C-alpha atoms as a PDB file:
ATOM      1  CA  MET A   1     -13.235 -19.779  17.226  1.00  0.00           C
ATOM      2  CA  SER A   2     -15.487 -22.666  18.287  1.00  0.00           C
ATOM      3  CA  VAL A   3     -14.358 -25.856  20.037  1.00  0.00           C
ATOM      4  CA  ASP A   4     -14.170 -27.809  16.809  1.00  0.00           C
ATOM      5  CA  GLY A   5     -11.763 -25.263  15.304  1.00  0.00           C
ATOM      6  CA  LYS A   6     -14.250 -23.774  12.817  1.00  0.00           C
ATOM      7  CA  ASP A   7     -15.062 -20.105  12.562  1.00  0.00           C
ATOM      8  CA  PRO A   8     -18.743 -19.669  13.545  1.00  0.00           C
ATOM      9  CA  LYS A   9     -18.984 -16.843  10.983  1.00  0.00           C
ATOM     10  CA  ASP A  10     -17.912 -19.153   8.171  1.00  0.00           C
ATOM     11  CA  GLU A  11     -21.251 -19.910   6.509  1.00  0.00           C
ATOM     12  CA  LEU A  12     -19.624 -22.215   3.938  1.00  0.00           C
ATOM     13  CA  ALA A  13     -18.055 -24.526   6.507  1.00  0.00           C
ATOM     14  CA  GLY A  14     -18.746 -28.151   5.667  1.00  0.00           C
ATOM     15  CA  THR A  15     -19.919 -27.456   2.115  1.00  0.00           C
ATOM     16  CA  GLU A  16     -16.628 -28.310   0.392  1.00  0.00           C
ATOM     17  CA  ALA A  17     -17.534 -31.882  -0.505  1.00  0.00           C
ATOM     18  CA  PRO A  18     -20.966 -31.081  -2.041  1.00  0.00           C
ATOM     19  CA  PHE A  19     -19.436 -28.199  -4.019  1.00  0.00           C
ATOM     20  CA  VAL A  20     -16.677 -30.449  -5.385  1.00  0.00           C
ATOM     21  CA  SER A  21     -19.204 -33.150  -6.235  1.00  0.00           C
ATOM     22  CA  HIS A  22     -21.230 -30.587  -8.204  1.00  0.00           C
ATOM     23  CA  LEU A  23     -18.110 -29.560 -10.099  1.00  0.00           C
ATOM     24  CA  VAL A  24     -17.327 -33.195 -10.876  1.00  0.00           C
ATOM     25  CA  GLU A  25     -20.863 -33.737 -12.144  1.00  0.00           C
ATOM     26  CA  LEU A  26     -20.662 -30.561 -14.222  1.00  0.00           C
ATOM     27  CA  ARG A  27     -17.406 -31.769 -15.736  1.00  0.00           C
ATOM     28  CA  ASP A  28     -18.943 -35.138 -16.559  1.00  0.00           C
ATOM     29  CA  ARG A  29     -21.973 -33.487 -18.186  1.00  0.00           C
ATOM     30  CA  LEU A  30     -19.733 -31.229 -20.267  1.00  0.00           C
ATOM     31  CA  VAL A  31     -17.596 -34.182 -21.356  1.00  0.00           C
ATOM     32  CA  ARG A  32     -20.704 -36.119 -22.411  1.00  0.00           C
ATOM     33  CA  ALA A  33     -21.971 -33.121 -24.370  1.00  0.00           C
ATOM     34  CA  LEU A  34     -18.607 -32.716 -26.116  1.00  0.00           C
ATOM     35  CA  ILE A  35     -18.500 -36.441 -26.888  1.00  0.00           C
ATOM     36  CA  ALA A  36     -21.982 -36.206 -28.416  1.00  0.00           C
ATOM     37  CA  ILE A  37     -20.855 -33.293 -30.599  1.00  0.00           C
ATOM     38  CA  GLY A  38     -17.727 -35.229 -31.572  1.00  0.00           C
ATOM     39  CA  VAL A  39     -19.747 -38.323 -32.512  1.00  0.00           C
ATOM     40  CA  ALA A  40     -22.152 -36.185 -34.552  1.00  0.00           C
ATOM     41  CA  PHE A  41     -19.172 -34.524 -36.269  1.00  0.00           C
ATOM     42  CA  ALA A  42     -17.640 -37.919 -37.112  1.00  0.00           C
ATOM     43  CA  ILE A  43     -20.931 -39.202 -38.533  1.00  0.00           C
ATOM     44  CA  LEU A  44     -21.468 -36.090 -40.650  1.00  0.00           C
ATOM     45  CA  ALA A  45     -17.839 -36.120 -41.817  1.00  0.00           C
ATOM     46  CA  PHE A  46     -18.339 -39.685 -43.029  1.00  0.00           C
ATOM     47  CA  TRP A  47     -21.801 -39.086 -44.515  1.00  0.00           C
ATOM     48  CA  PRO A  48     -22.784 -36.911 -46.256  1.00  0.00           C
ATOM     49  CA  GLY A  49     -19.320 -35.356 -45.834  1.00  0.00           C
ATOM     50  CA  PRO A  50     -18.027 -31.775 -45.448  1.00  0.00           C
ATOM     51  CA  GLY A  51     -18.165 -31.145 -49.203  1.00  0.00           C
ATOM     52  CA  ALA A  52     -21.812 -32.141 -49.476  1.00  0.00           C
ATOM     53  CA  LEU A  53     -22.729 -30.063 -46.408  1.00  0.00           C
ATOM     54  CA  TYR A  54     -20.950 -27.074 -47.928  1.00  0.00           C
ATOM     55  CA  ASP A  55     -22.879 -27.517 -51.189  1.00  0.00           C
ATOM     56  CA  LEU A  56     -26.109 -27.746 -49.193  1.00  0.00           C
ATOM     57  CA  LEU A  57     -25.376 -24.532 -47.301  1.00  0.00           C
ATOM     58  CA  ALA A  58     -24.320 -22.684 -50.446  1.00  0.00           C
ATOM     59  CA  ALA A  59     -27.293 -23.858 -52.531  1.00  0.00           C
ATOM     60  CA  PRO A  60     -29.714 -20.995 -51.620  1.00  0.00           C
ATOM     61  CA  LEU A  61     -27.174 -18.430 -52.848  1.00  0.00           C
ATOM     62  CA  VAL A  62     -25.646 -20.323 -55.780  1.00  0.00           C
ATOM     63  CA  SER A  63     -29.077 -21.011 -57.280  1.00  0.00           C
ATOM     64  CA  HIS A  64     -29.619 -17.245 -57.692  1.00  0.00           C
ATOM     65  CA  LEU A  65     -26.154 -16.308 -58.989  1.00  0.00           C
ATOM     66  CA  PRO A  66     -25.731 -15.494 -62.685  1.00  0.00           C
ATOM     67  CA  LYS A  67     -25.057 -18.455 -64.945  1.00  0.00           C
ATOM     68  CA  GLY A  68     -21.483 -19.658 -64.561  1.00  0.00           C
ATOM     69  CA  ALA A  69     -20.830 -17.663 -61.347  1.00  0.00           C
ATOM     70  CA  THR A  70     -19.612 -19.497 -58.248  1.00  0.00           C
ATOM     71  CA  LEU A  71     -18.339 -18.783 -54.777  1.00  0.00           C
ATOM     72  CA  ILE A  72     -14.593 -18.180 -54.515  1.00  0.00           C
ATOM     73  CA  ALA A  73     -11.896 -18.776 -51.882  1.00  0.00           C
ATOM     74  CA  THR A  74      -9.476 -15.921 -51.245  1.00  0.00           C
ATOM     75  CA  ASN A  75      -7.646 -17.806 -48.503  1.00  0.00           C
ATOM     76  CA  VAL A  76      -5.374 -20.761 -49.271  1.00  0.00           C
ATOM     77  CA  ILE A  77      -6.906 -23.078 -46.642  1.00  0.00           C
ATOM     78  CA  SER A  78     -10.524 -21.860 -47.023  1.00  0.00           C
ATOM     79  CA  PRO A  79     -11.584 -24.756 -49.301  1.00  0.00           C
ATOM     80  CA  VAL A  80     -10.720 -27.157 -46.452  1.00  0.00           C
ATOM     81  CA  LEU A  81     -11.402 -25.020 -43.395  1.00  0.00           C
ATOM     82  CA  VAL A  82     -14.865 -23.705 -44.322  1.00  0.00           C
ATOM     83  CA  PRO A  83     -16.425 -27.144 -45.031  1.00  0.00           C
ATOM     84  CA  LEU A  84     -15.036 -28.376 -41.698  1.00  0.00           C
ATOM     85  CA  LYS A  85     -16.575 -25.372 -39.906  1.00  0.00           C
ATOM     86  CA  ILE A  86     -19.892 -26.087 -41.591  1.00  0.00           C
ATOM     87  CA  THR A  87     -19.671 -29.732 -40.482  1.00  0.00           C
ATOM     88  CA  LEU A  88     -18.997 -28.623 -36.898  1.00  0.00           C
ATOM     89  CA  MET A  89     -21.979 -26.251 -37.025  1.00  0.00           C
ATOM     90  CA  ALA A  90     -24.192 -29.070 -38.296  1.00  0.00           C
ATOM     91  CA  ALA A  91     -22.845 -31.374 -35.556  1.00  0.00           C
ATOM     92  CA  LEU A  92     -23.761 -28.801 -32.890  1.00  0.00           C
ATOM     93  CA  MET A  93     -27.293 -28.599 -34.238  1.00  0.00           C
ATOM     94  CA  LEU A  94     -27.579 -32.386 -34.478  1.00  0.00           C
ATOM     95  CA  ALA A  95     -26.362 -32.892 -30.908  1.00  0.00           C
ATOM     96  CA  LEU A  96     -28.302 -29.927 -29.487  1.00  0.00           C
ATOM     97  CA  PRO A  97     -31.146 -32.021 -27.966  1.00  0.00           C
ATOM     98  CA  TYR A  98     -28.651 -34.218 -26.108  1.00  0.00           C
ATOM     99  CA  VAL A  99     -26.601 -31.197 -24.981  1.00  0.00           C
ATOM    100  CA  LEU A 100     -29.715 -29.533 -23.579  1.00  0.00           C
ATOM    101  CA  TYR A 101     -30.676 -32.826 -21.928  1.00  0.00           C
ATOM    102  CA  GLN A 102     -27.328 -32.762 -20.081  1.00  0.00           C
ATOM    103  CA  VAL A 103     -28.119 -29.238 -18.901  1.00  0.00           C
ATOM    104  CA  TRP A 104     -31.533 -30.428 -17.737  1.00  0.00           C
ATOM    105  CA  ALA A 105     -30.083 -33.472 -15.954  1.00  0.00           C
ATOM    106  CA  PHE A 106     -27.592 -31.253 -14.111  1.00  0.00           C
ATOM    107  CA  VAL A 107     -30.136 -28.748 -12.771  1.00  0.00           C
ATOM    108  CA  ALA A 108     -33.086 -31.141 -12.243  1.00  0.00           C
ATOM    109  CA  PRO A 109     -32.023 -32.553  -8.812  1.00  0.00           C
ATOM    110  CA  GLY A 110     -32.117 -29.062  -7.324  1.00  0.00           C
ATOM    111  CA  LEU A 111     -35.612 -28.246  -8.535  1.00  0.00           C
ATOM    112  CA  TYR A 112     -39.014 -28.707  -6.927  1.00  0.00           C
ATOM    113  CA  SER A 113     -41.568 -30.876  -8.678  1.00  0.00           C
ATOM    114  CA  HIS A 114     -43.510 -27.881 -10.022  1.00  0.00           C
ATOM    115  CA  GLU A 115     -40.243 -26.365 -11.323  1.00  0.00           C
ATOM    116  CA  LYS A 116     -39.392 -29.600 -13.119  1.00  0.00           C
ATOM    117  CA  LYS A 117     -42.745 -29.388 -14.857  1.00  0.00           C
ATOM    118  CA  MET A 118     -41.688 -25.978 -16.124  1.00  0.00           C
ATOM    119  CA  VAL A 119     -38.086 -26.666 -17.185  1.00  0.00           C
ATOM    120  CA  LEU A 120     -38.467 -29.777 -19.341  1.00  0.00           C
ATOM    121  CA  PRO A 121     -41.136 -28.338 -21.695  1.00  0.00           C
ATOM    122  CA  LEU A 122     -39.077 -25.152 -21.999  1.00  0.00           C
ATOM    123  CA  VAL A 123     -35.932 -27.091 -22.922  1.00  0.00           C
ATOM    124  CA  VAL A 124     -37.787 -29.086 -25.586  1.00  0.00           C
ATOM    125  CA  SER A 125     -39.623 -26.076 -26.997  1.00  0.00           C
ATOM    126  CA  SER A 126     -36.437 -23.973 -27.024  1.00  0.00           C
ATOM    127  CA  THR A 127     -34.673 -26.620 -29.090  1.00  0.00           C
ATOM    128  CA  LEU A 128     -37.531 -26.984 -31.560  1.00  0.00           C
ATOM    129  CA  LEU A 129     -38.016 -23.220 -31.922  1.00  0.00           C
ATOM    130  CA  PHE A 130     -34.305 -22.606 -32.509  1.00  0.00           C
ATOM    131  CA  LEU A 131     -34.169 -25.295 -35.207  1.00  0.00           C
ATOM    132  CA  LEU A 132     -37.384 -23.913 -36.716  1.00  0.00           C
ATOM    133  CA  GLY A 133     -35.792 -20.455 -36.885  1.00  0.00           C
ATOM    134  CA  VAL A 134     -32.723 -21.867 -38.643  1.00  0.00           C
ATOM    135  CA  ALA A 135     -34.898 -23.793 -41.120  1.00  0.00           C
ATOM    136  CA  PHE A 136     -37.026 -20.696 -41.782  1.00  0.00           C
ATOM    137  CA  CYS A 137     -33.866 -18.706 -42.502  1.00  0.00           C
ATOM    138  CA  TYR A 138     -32.394 -21.378 -44.793  1.00  0.00           C
ATOM    139  CA  PHE A 139     -35.474 -22.194 -46.850  1.00  0.00           C
ATOM    140  CA  LEU A 140     -37.129 -18.766 -47.074  1.00  0.00           C
ATOM    141  CA  VAL A 141     -34.948 -15.865 -45.982  1.00  0.00           C
ATOM    142  CA  ILE A 142     -31.622 -16.613 -47.699  1.00  0.00           C
ATOM    143  CA  PRO A 143     -33.178 -17.553 -51.093  1.00  0.00           C
ATOM    144  CA  GLY A 144     -35.484 -14.518 -51.028  1.00  0.00           C
ATOM    145  CA  MET A 145     -32.657 -12.199 -50.002  1.00  0.00           C
ATOM    146  CA  SER A 146     -30.314 -13.627 -52.673  1.00  0.00           C
ATOM    147  CA  LYS A 147     -32.939 -13.187 -55.368  1.00  0.00           C
ATOM    148  CA  PHE A 148     -33.654  -9.622 -54.219  1.00  0.00           C
ATOM    149  CA  ILE A 149     -29.956  -8.638 -54.235  1.00  0.00           C
ATOM    150  CA  GLN A 150     -29.284 -10.170 -57.663  1.00  0.00           C
ATOM    151  CA  ALA A 151     -32.344  -8.421 -59.110  1.00  0.00           C
ATOM    152  CA  PHE A 152     -30.957  -5.006 -58.131  1.00  0.00           C
ATOM    153  CA  ALA A 153     -27.285  -5.707 -58.896  1.00  0.00           C
ATOM    154  CA  PRO A 154     -25.951  -3.904 -62.006  1.00  0.00           C
ATOM    155  CA  SER A 155     -25.375  -6.191 -64.993  1.00  0.00           C
ATOM    156  CA  ALA A 156     -21.742  -5.025 -65.194  1.00  0.00           C
ATOM    157  CA  ILE A 157     -21.007  -6.620 -61.806  1.00  0.00           C
ATOM    158  CA  THR A 158     -20.066 -10.307 -61.713  1.00  0.00           C
ATOM    159  CA  ALA A 159     -21.082 -11.798 -58.380  1.00  0.00           C
ATOM    160  CA  ALA A 160     -18.441 -14.083 -56.844  1.00  0.00           C
ATOM    161  CA  PRO A 161     -18.859 -14.088 -53.036  1.00  0.00           C
ATOM    162  CA  ASP A 162     -16.039 -15.332 -50.831  1.00  0.00           C
ATOM    163  CA  ILE A 163     -16.879 -18.617 -49.088  1.00  0.00           C
ATOM    164  CA  GLU A 164     -15.563 -17.497 -45.673  1.00  0.00           C
ATOM    165  CA  GLN A 165     -17.594 -14.295 -45.743  1.00  0.00           C
ATOM    166  CA  TYR A 166     -20.661 -16.221 -46.876  1.00  0.00           C
ATOM    167  CA  PHE A 167     -20.258 -18.761 -44.073  1.00  0.00           C
ATOM    168  CA  GLY A 168     -19.910 -16.005 -41.462  1.00  0.00           C
ATOM    169  CA  PHE A 169     -22.901 -14.209 -42.939  1.00  0.00           C
ATOM    170  CA  VAL A 170     -25.102 -17.325 -42.916  1.00  0.00           C
ATOM    171  CA  LEU A 171     -23.988 -18.329 -39.414  1.00  0.00           C
ATOM    172  CA  THR A 172     -24.937 -14.857 -38.152  1.00  0.00           C
ATOM    173  CA  LEU A 173     -28.360 -15.116 -39.810  1.00  0.00           C
ATOM    174  CA  PHE A 174     -28.910 -18.588 -38.347  1.00  0.00           C
ATOM    175  CA  LEU A 175     -28.147 -17.297 -34.843  1.00  0.00           C
ATOM    176  CA  VAL A 176     -30.327 -14.202 -35.315  1.00  0.00           C
ATOM    177  CA  PHE A 177     -33.355 -16.150 -36.532  1.00  0.00           C
ATOM    178  CA  GLY A 178     -32.791 -19.025 -34.096  1.00  0.00           C
ATOM    179  CA  ILE A 179     -32.721 -16.611 -31.144  1.00  0.00           C
ATOM    180  CA  ALA A 180     -35.618 -14.536 -32.530  1.00  0.00           C
ATOM    181  CA  PHE A 181     -37.803 -17.646 -32.662  1.00  0.00           C
ATOM    182  CA  GLU A 182     -37.270 -18.026 -28.890  1.00  0.00           C
ATOM    183  CA  VAL A 183     -39.682 -15.122 -28.293  1.00  0.00           C
ATOM    184  CA  PRO A 184     -42.506 -17.409 -27.023  1.00  0.00           C
ATOM    185  CA  VAL A 185     -40.143 -19.018 -24.503  1.00  0.00           C
ATOM    186  CA  ALA A 186     -38.999 -15.603 -23.251  1.00  0.00           C
ATOM    187  CA  VAL A 187     -42.617 -14.451 -22.920  1.00  0.00           C
ATOM    188  CA  ILE A 188     -43.580 -17.612 -21.017  1.00  0.00           C
ATOM    189  CA  VAL A 189     -40.635 -17.342 -18.600  1.00  0.00           C
ATOM    190  CA  LEU A 190     -41.236 -13.636 -17.897  1.00  0.00           C
ATOM    191  CA  ALA A 191     -44.923 -14.279 -17.227  1.00  0.00           C
ATOM    192  CA  ARG A 192     -44.331 -17.453 -15.190  1.00  0.00           C
ATOM    193  CA  ILE A 193     -41.818 -15.953 -12.779  1.00  0.00           C
ATOM    194  CA  GLY A 194     -44.027 -12.912 -12.301  1.00  0.00           C
ATOM    195  CA  ILE A 195     -41.954 -10.147 -13.886  1.00  0.00           C
ATOM    196  CA  VAL A 196     -44.871  -9.208 -16.136  1.00  0.00           C
ATOM    197  CA  SER A 197     -48.523 -10.236 -16.164  1.00  0.00           C
ATOM    198  CA  ILE A 198     -50.561 -11.445 -19.118  1.00  0.00           C
ATOM    199  CA  GLU A 199     -52.441  -8.132 -19.121  1.00  0.00           C
ATOM    200  CA  GLN A 200     -49.166  -6.190 -19.269  1.00  0.00           C
ATOM    201  CA  LEU A 201     -47.946  -8.350 -22.143  1.00  0.00           C
ATOM    202  CA  ARG A 202     -51.083  -7.463 -24.075  1.00  0.00           C
ATOM    203  CA  LYS A 203     -50.558  -3.752 -23.346  1.00  0.00           C
ATOM    204  CA  PHE A 204     -46.929  -3.970 -24.493  1.00  0.00           C
ATOM    205  CA  ARG A 205     -47.999  -5.413 -27.869  1.00  0.00           C
ATOM    206  CA  GLY A 206     -47.631  -2.129 -29.746  1.00  0.00           C
ATOM    207  CA  TYR A 207     -44.205  -1.418 -28.245  1.00  0.00           C
ATOM    208  CA  PHE A 208     -43.029  -4.915 -29.128  1.00  0.00           C
ATOM    209  CA  ILE A 209     -44.102  -4.513 -32.762  1.00  0.00           C
ATOM    210  CA  VAL A 210     -42.099  -1.281 -33.055  1.00  0.00           C
ATOM    211  CA  ALA A 211     -39.115  -2.889 -31.280  1.00  0.00           C
ATOM    212  CA  SER A 212     -39.282  -5.907 -33.613  1.00  0.00           C
ATOM    213  CA  PHE A 213     -38.949  -3.767 -36.731  1.00  0.00           C
ATOM    214  CA  ILE A 214     -36.120  -1.755 -35.153  1.00  0.00           C
ATOM    215  CA  ILE A 215     -34.232  -4.923 -34.187  1.00  0.00           C
ATOM    216  CA  ALA A 216     -34.809  -6.395 -37.659  1.00  0.00           C
ATOM    217  CA  ALA A 217     -33.425  -3.236 -39.279  1.00  0.00           C
ATOM    218  CA  ILE A 218     -30.289  -3.435 -37.107  1.00  0.00           C
ATOM    219  CA  VAL A 219     -29.389  -7.148 -37.175  1.00  0.00           C
ATOM    220  CA  THR A 220     -30.383  -8.120 -40.728  1.00  0.00           C
ATOM    221  CA  PRO A 221     -28.850  -7.065 -44.069  1.00  0.00           C
ATOM    222  CA  PRO A 222     -30.172  -3.811 -45.547  1.00  0.00           C
ATOM    223  CA  ASP A 223     -32.880  -5.392 -47.680  1.00  0.00           C
ATOM    224  CA  VAL A 224     -36.630  -5.374 -47.183  1.00  0.00           C
ATOM    225  CA  ILE A 225     -37.039  -9.149 -47.556  1.00  0.00           C
ATOM    226  CA  SER A 226     -34.876 -10.191 -44.602  1.00  0.00           C
ATOM    227  CA  GLN A 227     -36.110  -7.351 -42.393  1.00  0.00           C
ATOM    228  CA  LEU A 228     -39.767  -8.236 -42.891  1.00  0.00           C
ATOM    229  CA  ALA A 229     -38.945 -11.952 -42.625  1.00  0.00           C
ATOM    230  CA  LEU A 230     -37.580 -11.353 -39.125  1.00  0.00           C
ATOM    231  CA  ALA A 231     -39.976  -8.710 -37.791  1.00  0.00           C
ATOM    232  CA  ILE A 232     -43.272 -10.310 -38.846  1.00  0.00           C
ATOM    233  CA  PRO A 233     -42.551 -13.783 -37.358  1.00  0.00           C
ATOM    234  CA  MET A 234     -41.399 -12.125 -34.122  1.00  0.00           C
ATOM    235  CA  CYS A 235     -44.748 -10.306 -33.843  1.00  0.00           C
ATOM    236  CA  ILE A 236     -46.659 -13.533 -34.542  1.00  0.00           C
ATOM    237  CA  LEU A 237     -44.538 -15.486 -32.059  1.00  0.00           C
ATOM    238  CA  TYR A 238     -45.177 -12.818 -29.426  1.00  0.00           C
ATOM    239  CA  GLU A 239     -48.919 -13.442 -29.727  1.00  0.00           C
ATOM    240  CA  ILE A 240     -48.335 -17.195 -29.575  1.00  0.00           C
ATOM    241  CA  GLY A 241     -46.213 -16.649 -26.465  1.00  0.00           C
ATOM    242  CA  ILE A 242     -49.040 -14.796 -24.707  1.00  0.00           C
ATOM    243  CA  VAL A 243     -51.487 -17.650 -25.357  1.00  0.00           C
ATOM    244  CA  ALA A 244     -48.905 -20.275 -24.393  1.00  0.00           C
ATOM    245  CA  ALA A 245     -48.037 -18.373 -21.204  1.00  0.00           C
ATOM    246  CA  GLN A 246     -51.656 -18.512 -20.062  1.00  0.00           C
ATOM    247  CA  LEU A 247     -51.779 -22.291 -20.553  1.00  0.00           C
ATOM    248  CA  PHE A 248     -48.323 -22.788 -19.057  1.00  0.00           C
ATOM    249  CA  ILE A 249     -49.084 -20.831 -15.895  1.00  0.00           C
ATOM    250  CA  LYS A 250     -52.302 -22.792 -15.475  1.00  0.00           C
ATOM    251  CA  HIS A 251     -50.547 -26.186 -15.613  1.00  0.00           C
ATOM    252  CA  THR A 252     -47.367 -25.357 -13.644  1.00  0.00           C
ATOM    253  CA  LYS A 253     -48.690 -23.894 -10.435  1.00  0.00           C
ATOM    254  CA  THR A 254     -46.643 -24.119  -7.264  1.00  0.00           C
ATOM    255  CA  PRO A 255     -48.082 -26.214  -4.405  1.00  0.00           C
ATOM    256  CA  ALA A 256     -49.022 -22.991  -2.559  1.00  0.00           C
ATOM    257  CA  GLN A 257     -50.813 -21.644  -5.632  1.00  0.00           C
ATOM    258  CA  ALA A 258     -52.619 -24.951  -6.129  1.00  0.00           C
ATOM    259  CA  ASP A 259     -53.731 -24.987  -2.477  1.00  0.00           C
ATOM    260  CA  ALA A 260     -54.896 -21.379  -2.735  1.00  0.00           C
ATOM    261  CA  ALA A 261     -56.847 -22.155  -5.889  1.00  0.00           C
ATOM    262  CA  GLY A 262     -58.434 -25.176  -4.186  1.00  0.00           C
ATOM    263  CA  ALA A 263     -59.369 -23.104  -1.148  1.00  0.00           C
ATOM    264  CA  ASP A 264     -61.073 -20.506  -3.371  1.00  0.00           C
ATOM    265  CA  LYS A 265     -63.383 -23.134  -4.872  1.00  0.00           C
ATOM    266  CA  PRO A 266     -66.820 -23.306  -3.204  1.00  0.00           C
ATOM    267  CA  ALA A 267     -67.524 -26.470  -1.252  1.00  0.00           C
ATOM    268  CA  ALA A 268     -69.840 -28.986  -2.937  1.00  0.00           C
END
């Protein structure tokens, strides 16, 4: 023991206050994010309302059902519970930019200037790409898949999907396509932190194409439309990620890299 009563081997001595302050800040950021989601939920519950949001989500499927067919509720509280879940999902998407901003504000003080240049564009692009994936799924994948399924369904079968199963199915597709559209961000991060080089990413192109079709076959319904709709954009986004990684690395160099690049330039 030292004279001041502290164990010299205790490497965390004196760090209690900063650690607690970080926890307090984390709590505050989480509370703000939850408040933002709550405000978005209240706004959406008032207008356009849970019923209208449910109709909007069900429209891609209902428009391809046989005439007179509708979605059904097999659970007593489903007609109330499912629209509320849909409203909460929409509130999360509406508040997503602010939630990610809170994440950014929490980690930013501990980053170097060149790291801040990297994080903020990634946060913004991640949000936009996720929303783009959800929109792509809603406007193209679900209608095409619904039309494909109804075209092959026997005429003796009356389609009447359960609303809870449909909501779970659509939510899964939204997550799958939202995450799949993050491929450029993943490529940029892997290249920027040095795990893989741009040349290696180009060499892995063929493997990624095969992996994309395998992943699409596993995570999407067993129809050609949805599988191709996931695999092909992933391959395209991979190529976009390679190009973006080159530009990103060029504009987010560390001070040491910038000095090294300046030293390599011939004197005027």
